[in-house]
Amino acid sequence: MKRRKGIRTGRLADWIYPRRCALCDGVLGKGERYVCSLCRGDLPQPVEEPRCMRCGKPLTDLEKEFCFDCGHYEQSFERGRGIFLYQGRIRESMMRFKFRGRKEYGAFFGGMMLLYGRDFLLQVRPQVIIPVPVHWRKLRTRGYNQAEVLAEIISSGLSIPLRTDLVLRKKFTVAQKKLNRKERKENLKRAFVVLPEAGRYERILLVDDIYTTGSTVNAIAGKLKEQGAGQIYVLTACIGGGD
């Protein structure tokens, strides 16, 4: 009887709060998971080669090895990979996931990170996954940390330990997208606290939703290495252009 009641409760919840397509936000039909059948037939393509050898941004010049940022500025992490280019439907979907309560989109983005990022993850062999933390004020407003939602899926899919207690965000900062590079770096000074225990890991994977200039992951990677951590790698659902 309890099982039947659970099924009815689940169906009632779907009726009151219908599951939405992660791409068009339309209500999913019976048997549809994550994206609707129409969007499934036209899924955005992941970023492919040529990519920046450091951060993974897509490159249009076949002779280049690094994007502008990685070619001109020092990075604190070893390598990164972003799954989708941050534009069009993906950008709109990410905004709903991040700011409009569509936590269920995490299943789609996390699944794509597992699917298209698997080779990268098997190459770098992280010992632990750390999601980029959000300040408690933002967490209270949103109800969840989108980076942690993605990290949980990757951790579960590859049986890699997830640690949310090693890197903490102690300083509330304004949105990075409103700032230039210099302002972003200044904005993140003293924003993060890394516990000494993080220094025992030789290979750490940072997980976040979006990579643009890399200011946030660089700030965290630098703090991790100050504690003695080894190589830092980055995996994100979305990434900006590299030229």
C-alpha atoms as a PDB file:
ATOM      1  CA  MET A   1       0.000   0.000   0.000  1.00  0.00           C
ATOM      2  CA  LYS A   2       2.806   2.415   0.804  1.00  0.00           C
ATOM      3  CA  ARG A   3       4.291   1.903  -2.642  1.00  0.00           C
ATOM      4  CA  ARG A   4       1.006   2.720  -4.354  1.00  0.00           C
ATOM      5  CA  LYS A   5       0.557   5.787  -2.203  1.00  0.00           C
ATOM      6  CA  GLY A   6       4.062   6.946  -3.179  1.00  0.00           C
ATOM      7  CA  ILE A   7       3.237   6.548  -6.862  1.00  0.00           C
ATOM      8  CA  ARG A   8       0.035   8.551  -6.495  1.00  0.00           C
ATOM      9  CA  THR A   9       1.892  11.235  -4.554  1.00  0.00           C
ATOM     10  CA  GLY A  10       4.541  11.436  -7.252  1.00  0.00           C
ATOM     11  CA  ARG A  11       1.934  11.760  -9.991  1.00  0.00           C
ATOM     12  CA  LEU A  12       0.147  14.447  -8.032  1.00  0.00           C
ATOM     13  CA  ALA A  13       3.408  16.361  -7.632  1.00  0.00           C
ATOM     14  CA  ASP A  14       4.022  16.131 -11.393  1.00  0.00           C
ATOM     15  CA  TRP A  15       0.532  17.524 -11.979  1.00  0.00           C
ATOM     16  CA  ILE A  16       0.992  20.433  -9.580  1.00  0.00           C
ATOM     17  CA  TYR A  17       4.624  21.069 -10.515  1.00  0.00           C
ATOM     18  CA  PRO A  18       4.995  19.595 -14.024  1.00  0.00           C
ATOM     19  CA  ARG A  19       8.461  18.592 -15.135  1.00  0.00           C
ATOM     20  CA  ARG A  20       9.931  20.977 -17.682  1.00  0.00           C
ATOM     21  CA  CYS A  21      12.152  20.509 -20.725  1.00  0.00           C
ATOM     22  CA  ALA A  22      15.646  21.756 -19.889  1.00  0.00           C
ATOM     23  CA  LEU A  23      15.932  23.485 -23.257  1.00  0.00           C
ATOM     24  CA  CYS A  24      12.567  25.012 -24.140  1.00  0.00           C
ATOM     25  CA  ASP A  25      10.976  24.900 -20.650  1.00  0.00           C
ATOM     26  CA  GLY A  26       7.874  23.267 -22.074  1.00  0.00           C
ATOM     27  CA  VAL A  27       6.025  20.691 -19.984  1.00  0.00           C
ATOM     28  CA  LEU A  28       7.437  17.218 -20.554  1.00  0.00           C
ATOM     29  CA  GLY A  29       5.090  14.573 -21.859  1.00  0.00           C
ATOM     30  CA  LYS A  30       4.685  11.032 -20.618  1.00  0.00           C
ATOM     31  CA  GLY A  31       7.912   9.094 -21.081  1.00  0.00           C
ATOM     32  CA  GLU A  32       9.992  12.210 -21.791  1.00  0.00           C
ATOM     33  CA  ARG A  33      13.028  12.811 -19.558  1.00  0.00           C
ATOM     34  CA  TYR A  34      15.086  15.983 -19.210  1.00  0.00           C
ATOM     35  CA  VAL A  35      14.225  17.347 -22.680  1.00  0.00           C
ATOM     36  CA  CYS A  36      11.117  17.077 -24.848  1.00  0.00           C
ATOM     37  CA  SER A  37      11.042  14.995 -28.017  1.00  0.00           C
ATOM     38  CA  LEU A  38      11.187  18.103 -30.209  1.00  0.00           C
ATOM     39  CA  CYS A  39      14.323  19.449 -28.501  1.00  0.00           C
ATOM     40  CA  ARG A  40      15.861  15.978 -28.381  1.00  0.00           C
ATOM     41  CA  GLY A  41      15.833  15.963 -32.158  1.00  0.00           C
ATOM     42  CA  ASP A  42      17.837  19.194 -32.228  1.00  0.00           C
ATOM     43  CA  LEU A  43      20.203  19.013 -29.263  1.00  0.00           C
ATOM     44  CA  PRO A  44      22.980  21.627 -29.087  1.00  0.00           C
ATOM     45  CA  GLN A  45      26.355  20.223 -30.057  1.00  0.00           C
ATOM     46  CA  PRO A  46      29.165  20.087 -27.490  1.00  0.00           C
ATOM     47  CA  VAL A  47      32.366  22.081 -27.933  1.00  0.00           C
ATOM     48  CA  GLU A  48      34.827  20.143 -30.052  1.00  0.00           C
ATOM     49  CA  GLU A  49      38.382  20.596 -31.305  1.00  0.00           C
ATOM     50  CA  PRO A  50      40.140  22.897 -31.827  1.00  0.00           C
ATOM     51  CA  ARG A  51      40.041  23.899 -28.152  1.00  0.00           C
ATOM     52  CA  CYS A  52      42.348  25.940 -25.964  1.00  0.00           C
ATOM     53  CA  MET A  53      44.891  23.550 -24.477  1.00  0.00           C
ATOM     54  CA  ARG A  54      44.507  25.152 -21.056  1.00  0.00           C
ATOM     55  CA  CYS A  55      40.865  26.120 -20.419  1.00  0.00           C
ATOM     56  CA  GLY A  56      39.091  24.272 -23.236  1.00  0.00           C
ATOM     57  CA  LYS A  57      37.504  27.283 -24.946  1.00  0.00           C
ATOM     58  CA  PRO A  58      36.695  26.708 -28.633  1.00  0.00           C
ATOM     59  CA  LEU A  59      39.162  28.205 -31.128  1.00  0.00           C
ATOM     60  CA  THR A  60      38.523  29.247 -34.719  1.00  0.00           C
ATOM     61  CA  ASP A  61      42.192  29.488 -35.671  1.00  0.00           C
ATOM     62  CA  LEU A  62      43.586  25.988 -36.202  1.00  0.00           C
ATOM     63  CA  GLU A  63      47.150  27.218 -35.640  1.00  0.00           C
ATOM     64  CA  LYS A  64      46.459  28.580 -32.161  1.00  0.00           C
ATOM     65  CA  GLU A  65      47.079  26.478 -29.062  1.00  0.00           C
ATOM     66  CA  PHE A  66      45.657  28.855 -26.464  1.00  0.00           C
ATOM     67  CA  CYS A  67      42.755  31.269 -26.287  1.00  0.00           C
ATOM     68  CA  PHE A  68      43.434  34.972 -25.747  1.00  0.00           C
ATOM     69  CA  ASP A  69      43.041  34.792 -21.977  1.00  0.00           C
ATOM     70  CA  CYS A  70      45.260  31.742 -21.480  1.00  0.00           C
ATOM     71  CA  GLY A  71      47.836  33.149 -23.890  1.00  0.00           C
ATOM     72  CA  HIS A  72      48.091  36.468 -22.063  1.00  0.00           C
ATOM     73  CA  TYR A  73      47.328  35.727 -18.417  1.00  0.00           C
ATOM     74  CA  GLU A  74      48.679  33.190 -15.948  1.00  0.00           C
ATOM     75  CA  GLN A  75      46.194  30.532 -14.866  1.00  0.00           C
ATOM     76  CA  SER A  76      46.267  28.741 -11.513  1.00  0.00           C
ATOM     77  CA  PHE A  77      44.714  25.511 -12.798  1.00  0.00           C
ATOM     78  CA  GLU A  78      46.198  22.894 -15.111  1.00  0.00           C
ATOM     79  CA  ARG A  79      43.425  22.132 -17.580  1.00  0.00           C
ATOM     80  CA  GLY A  80      39.736  22.762 -18.070  1.00  0.00           C
ATOM     81  CA  ARG A  81      36.840  21.630 -20.189  1.00  0.00           C
ATOM     82  CA  GLY A  82      33.463  23.206 -20.897  1.00  0.00           C
ATOM     83  CA  ILE A  83      30.703  21.150 -22.506  1.00  0.00           C
ATOM     84  CA  PHE A  84      28.464  23.654 -24.300  1.00  0.00           C
ATOM     85  CA  LEU A  85      29.184  27.060 -25.766  1.00  0.00           C
ATOM     86  CA  TYR A  86      27.489  29.664 -23.607  1.00  0.00           C
ATOM     87  CA  GLN A  87      25.054  31.065 -26.149  1.00  0.00           C
ATOM     88  CA  GLY A  88      21.534  30.725 -27.560  1.00  0.00           C
ATOM     89  CA  ARG A  89      19.229  28.137 -26.026  1.00  0.00           C
ATOM     90  CA  ILE A  90      21.940  26.842 -23.710  1.00  0.00           C
ATOM     91  CA  ARG A  91      22.506  30.286 -22.244  1.00  0.00           C
ATOM     92  CA  GLU A  92      18.762  30.813 -21.721  1.00  0.00           C
ATOM     93  CA  SER A  93      18.448  27.388 -20.117  1.00  0.00           C
ATOM     94  CA  MET A  94      21.382  28.034 -17.809  1.00  0.00           C
ATOM     95  CA  MET A  95      19.840  31.316 -16.665  1.00  0.00           C
ATOM     96  CA  ARG A  96      16.634  29.495 -15.707  1.00  0.00           C
ATOM     97  CA  PHE A  97      18.630  26.783 -13.942  1.00  0.00           C
ATOM     98  CA  LYS A  98      20.681  29.329 -12.053  1.00  0.00           C
ATOM     99  CA  PHE A  99      18.221  32.103 -11.249  1.00  0.00           C
ATOM    100  CA  ARG A 100      14.651  30.894 -11.789  1.00  0.00           C
ATOM    101  CA  GLY A 101      14.415  27.800  -9.661  1.00  0.00           C
ATOM    102  CA  ARG A 102      14.722  25.169 -12.388  1.00  0.00           C
ATOM    103  CA  LYS A 103      16.848  22.867 -10.262  1.00  0.00           C
ATOM    104  CA  GLU A 104      15.640  19.874 -12.269  1.00  0.00           C
ATOM    105  CA  TYR A 105      17.677  21.136 -15.245  1.00  0.00           C
ATOM    106  CA  GLY A 106      20.715  19.912 -13.339  1.00  0.00           C
ATOM    107  CA  ALA A 107      19.925  16.346 -14.389  1.00  0.00           C
ATOM    108  CA  PHE A 108      20.322  17.342 -18.050  1.00  0.00           C
ATOM    109  CA  PHE A 109      23.447  19.456 -17.645  1.00  0.00           C
ATOM    110  CA  GLY A 110      25.079  17.025 -15.234  1.00  0.00           C
ATOM    111  CA  GLY A 111      24.312  14.129 -17.551  1.00  0.00           C
ATOM    112  CA  MET A 112      25.862  15.959 -20.502  1.00  0.00           C
ATOM    113  CA  MET A 113      28.956  16.745 -18.432  1.00  0.00           C
ATOM    114  CA  LEU A 114      29.280  13.043 -17.661  1.00  0.00           C
ATOM    115  CA  LEU A 115      28.714  12.016 -21.263  1.00  0.00           C
ATOM    116  CA  TYR A 116      30.890  14.528 -23.080  1.00  0.00           C
ATOM    117  CA  GLY A 117      33.402  15.101 -20.305  1.00  0.00           C
ATOM    118  CA  ARG A 118      34.072  11.434 -19.544  1.00  0.00           C
ATOM    119  CA  ASP A 119      37.285  11.203 -21.614  1.00  0.00           C
ATOM    120  CA  PHE A 120      38.641  14.338 -19.941  1.00  0.00           C
ATOM    121  CA  LEU A 121      37.773  13.021 -16.481  1.00  0.00           C
ATOM    122  CA  LEU A 122      39.363   9.638 -17.165  1.00  0.00           C
ATOM    123  CA  GLN A 123      42.531  11.391 -18.326  1.00  0.00           C
ATOM    124  CA  VAL A 124      42.940  13.677 -15.310  1.00  0.00           C
ATOM    125  CA  ARG A 125      41.705  11.083 -12.767  1.00  0.00           C
ATOM    126  CA  PRO A 126      40.568  13.439  -9.985  1.00  0.00           C
ATOM    127  CA  GLN A 127      40.701  12.123  -6.443  1.00  0.00           C
ATOM    128  CA  VAL A 128      37.982  14.470  -5.263  1.00  0.00           C
ATOM    129  CA  ILE A 129      35.336  16.800  -6.690  1.00  0.00           C
ATOM    130  CA  ILE A 130      34.788  20.259  -5.229  1.00  0.00           C
ATOM    131  CA  PRO A 131      31.881  22.400  -6.454  1.00  0.00           C
ATOM    132  CA  VAL A 132      32.421  26.147  -6.604  1.00  0.00           C
ATOM    133  CA  PRO A 133      30.622  27.400  -3.476  1.00  0.00           C
ATOM    134  CA  VAL A 134      28.093  30.221  -3.285  1.00  0.00           C
ATOM    135  CA  HIS A 135      27.660  32.647  -0.428  1.00  0.00           C
ATOM    136  CA  TRP A 136      25.001  31.710   2.115  1.00  0.00           C
ATOM    137  CA  ARG A 137      22.899  34.710   1.105  1.00  0.00           C
ATOM    138  CA  LYS A 138      22.666  33.500  -2.490  1.00  0.00           C
ATOM    139  CA  LEU A 139      22.072  29.952  -1.289  1.00  0.00           C
ATOM    140  CA  ARG A 140      19.182  31.136   0.842  1.00  0.00           C
ATOM    141  CA  THR A 141      17.695  33.056  -2.088  1.00  0.00           C
ATOM    142  CA  ARG A 142      18.093  30.314  -4.713  1.00  0.00           C
ATOM    143  CA  GLY A 143      17.549  27.334  -2.451  1.00  0.00           C
ATOM    144  CA  TYR A 144      20.460  25.390  -3.944  1.00  0.00           C
ATOM    145  CA  ASN A 145      23.980  25.742  -5.291  1.00  0.00           C
ATOM    146  CA  GLN A 146      23.788  24.918  -9.001  1.00  0.00           C
ATOM    147  CA  ALA A 147      27.469  23.893  -9.096  1.00  0.00           C
ATOM    148  CA  GLU A 148      26.855  21.423  -6.281  1.00  0.00           C
ATOM    149  CA  VAL A 149      23.858  19.947  -8.135  1.00  0.00           C
ATOM    150  CA  LEU A 150      26.108  19.268 -11.135  1.00  0.00           C
ATOM    151  CA  ALA A 151      28.959  17.961  -8.986  1.00  0.00           C
ATOM    152  CA  GLU A 152      26.679  15.481  -7.224  1.00  0.00           C
ATOM    153  CA  ILE A 153      25.703  13.923 -10.552  1.00  0.00           C
ATOM    154  CA  ILE A 154      29.314  13.618 -11.705  1.00  0.00           C
ATOM    155  CA  SER A 155      30.395  12.240  -8.341  1.00  0.00           C
ATOM    156  CA  SER A 156      27.658   9.629  -8.402  1.00  0.00           C
ATOM    157  CA  GLY A 157      28.242   8.699 -12.036  1.00  0.00           C
ATOM    158  CA  LEU A 158      31.978   8.077 -11.650  1.00  0.00           C
ATOM    159  CA  SER A 159      32.157   7.181  -7.934  1.00  0.00           C
ATOM    160  CA  ILE A 160      34.490  10.080  -7.158  1.00  0.00           C
ATOM    161  CA  PRO A 161      34.218  11.543  -3.636  1.00  0.00           C
ATOM    162  CA  LEU A 162      32.438  14.897  -3.373  1.00  0.00           C
ATOM    163  CA  ARG A 163      33.581  17.439  -0.789  1.00  0.00           C
ATOM    164  CA  THR A 164      31.556  20.566  -0.135  1.00  0.00           C
ATOM    165  CA  ASP A 165      33.354  21.426   3.096  1.00  0.00           C
ATOM    166  CA  LEU A 166      36.869  22.135   1.828  1.00  0.00           C
ATOM    167  CA  VAL A 167      36.206  25.433   0.035  1.00  0.00           C
ATOM    168  CA  LEU A 168      33.891  28.003   1.569  1.00  0.00           C
ATOM    169  CA  ARG A 169      32.732  31.362   0.286  1.00  0.00           C
ATOM    170  CA  LYS A 170      32.973  33.826   3.136  1.00  0.00           C
ATOM    171  CA  LYS A 171      32.597  37.120   1.242  1.00  0.00           C
ATOM    172  CA  PHE A 172      29.456  38.232  -0.567  1.00  0.00           C
ATOM    173  CA  THR A 173      30.455  39.576  -3.989  1.00  0.00           C
ATOM    174  CA  VAL A 174      28.599  41.351  -6.770  1.00  0.00           C
ATOM    175  CA  ALA A 175      27.860  39.412  -9.962  1.00  0.00           C
ATOM    176  CA  GLN A 176      31.044  38.784 -11.927  1.00  0.00           C
ATOM    177  CA  LYS A 177      29.330  39.347 -15.280  1.00  0.00           C
ATOM    178  CA  LYS A 178      29.038  43.055 -14.484  1.00  0.00           C
ATOM    179  CA  LEU A 179      32.797  43.517 -14.046  1.00  0.00           C
ATOM    180  CA  ASN A 180      35.887  43.691 -16.242  1.00  0.00           C
ATOM    181  CA  ARG A 181      38.895  41.412 -15.702  1.00  0.00           C
ATOM    182  CA  LYS A 182      40.680  43.661 -13.230  1.00  0.00           C
ATOM    183  CA  GLU A 183      37.495  44.288 -11.275  1.00  0.00           C
ATOM    184  CA  ARG A 184      36.698  40.557 -11.199  1.00  0.00           C
ATOM    185  CA  LYS A 185      40.080  39.737  -9.707  1.00  0.00           C
ATOM    186  CA  GLU A 186      39.708  42.444  -7.076  1.00  0.00           C
ATOM    187  CA  ASN A 187      36.140  41.352  -6.386  1.00  0.00           C
ATOM    188  CA  LEU A 188      37.294  37.831  -5.516  1.00  0.00           C
ATOM    189  CA  LYS A 189      40.133  38.786  -3.188  1.00  0.00           C
ATOM    190  CA  ARG A 190      39.594  37.109   0.167  1.00  0.00           C
ATOM    191  CA  ALA A 191      36.251  35.729  -1.076  1.00  0.00           C
ATOM    192  CA  PHE A 192      37.156  32.085  -0.447  1.00  0.00           C
ATOM    193  CA  VAL A 193      38.491  30.086   2.479  1.00  0.00           C
ATOM    194  CA  VAL A 194      40.212  26.761   1.812  1.00  0.00           C
ATOM    195  CA  LEU A 195      40.683  24.319   4.674  1.00  0.00           C
ATOM    196  CA  PRO A 196      44.165  22.840   5.199  1.00  0.00           C
ATOM    197  CA  GLU A 197      42.827  19.311   4.591  1.00  0.00           C
ATOM    198  CA  ALA A 198      42.483  20.160   0.890  1.00  0.00           C
ATOM    199  CA  GLY A 199      46.262  20.149   0.674  1.00  0.00           C
ATOM    200  CA  ARG A 200      46.430  16.359   0.893  1.00  0.00           C
ATOM    201  CA  TYR A 201      44.913  15.893  -2.589  1.00  0.00           C
ATOM    202  CA  GLU A 202      47.154  15.588  -5.640  1.00  0.00           C
ATOM    203  CA  ARG A 203      44.382  15.917  -8.245  1.00  0.00           C
ATOM    204  CA  ILE A 204      41.264  18.011  -7.641  1.00  0.00           C
ATOM    205  CA  LEU A 205      38.344  18.666  -9.958  1.00  0.00           C
ATOM    206  CA  LEU A 206      36.512  21.988  -9.589  1.00  0.00           C
ATOM    207  CA  VAL A 207      32.967  21.930 -10.960  1.00  0.00           C
ATOM    208  CA  ASP A 208      30.990  25.041 -11.913  1.00  0.00           C
ATOM    209  CA  ASP A 209      28.148  26.028 -14.191  1.00  0.00           C
ATOM    210  CA  ILE A 210      29.840  28.632 -16.431  1.00  0.00           C
ATOM    211  CA  TYR A 211      33.436  29.466 -17.373  1.00  0.00           C
ATOM    212  CA  THR A 212      34.072  32.863 -18.992  1.00  0.00           C
ATOM    213  CA  THR A 213      37.296  34.577 -17.878  1.00  0.00           C
ATOM    214  CA  GLY A 214      38.091  31.948 -15.255  1.00  0.00           C
ATOM    215  CA  SER A 215      38.445  34.480 -12.446  1.00  0.00           C
ATOM    216  CA  THR A 216      36.472  32.413  -9.947  1.00  0.00           C
ATOM    217  CA  VAL A 217      38.162  29.050 -10.528  1.00  0.00           C
ATOM    218  CA  ASN A 218      41.565  30.739 -10.659  1.00  0.00           C
ATOM    219  CA  ALA A 219      40.956  32.339  -7.282  1.00  0.00           C
ATOM    220  CA  ILE A 220      39.969  28.983  -5.789  1.00  0.00           C
ATOM    221  CA  ALA A 221      42.768  27.051  -7.503  1.00  0.00           C
ATOM    222  CA  GLY A 222      45.306  29.521  -6.170  1.00  0.00           C
ATOM    223  CA  LYS A 223      43.977  29.115  -2.623  1.00  0.00           C
ATOM    224  CA  LEU A 224      44.039  25.322  -2.964  1.00  0.00           C
ATOM    225  CA  LYS A 225      47.680  25.360  -4.027  1.00  0.00           C
ATOM    226  CA  GLU A 226      48.561  27.655  -1.140  1.00  0.00           C
ATOM    227  CA  GLN A 227      47.375  24.824   1.101  1.00  0.00           C
ATOM    228  CA  GLY A 228      49.594  22.343  -0.726  1.00  0.00           C
ATOM    229  CA  ALA A 229      47.140  20.820  -3.219  1.00  0.00           C
ATOM    230  CA  GLY A 230      48.603  19.406  -6.414  1.00  0.00           C
ATOM    231  CA  GLN A 231      46.992  19.659  -9.833  1.00  0.00           C
ATOM    232  CA  ILE A 232      43.678  21.460 -10.258  1.00  0.00           C
ATOM    233  CA  TYR A 233      41.294  20.693 -13.112  1.00  0.00           C
ATOM    234  CA  VAL A 234      38.039  22.394 -14.083  1.00  0.00           C
ATOM    235  CA  LEU A 235      34.832  21.066 -15.640  1.00  0.00           C
ATOM    236  CA  THR A 236      31.887  23.330 -16.438  1.00  0.00           C
ATOM    237  CA  ALA A 237      28.562  22.921 -18.181  1.00  0.00           C
ATOM    238  CA  CYS A 238      29.056  26.065 -20.276  1.00  0.00           C
ATOM    239  CA  ILE A 239      32.056  27.983 -21.584  1.00  0.00           C
ATOM    240  CA  GLY A 240      32.592  31.252 -23.436  1.00  0.00           C
ATOM    241  CA  GLY A 241      34.273  31.724 -26.789  1.00  0.00           C
ATOM    242  CA  GLY A 242      38.062  31.748 -26.965  1.00  0.00           C
ATOM    243  CA  ASP A 243      38.988  34.261 -29.669  1.00  0.00           C
END
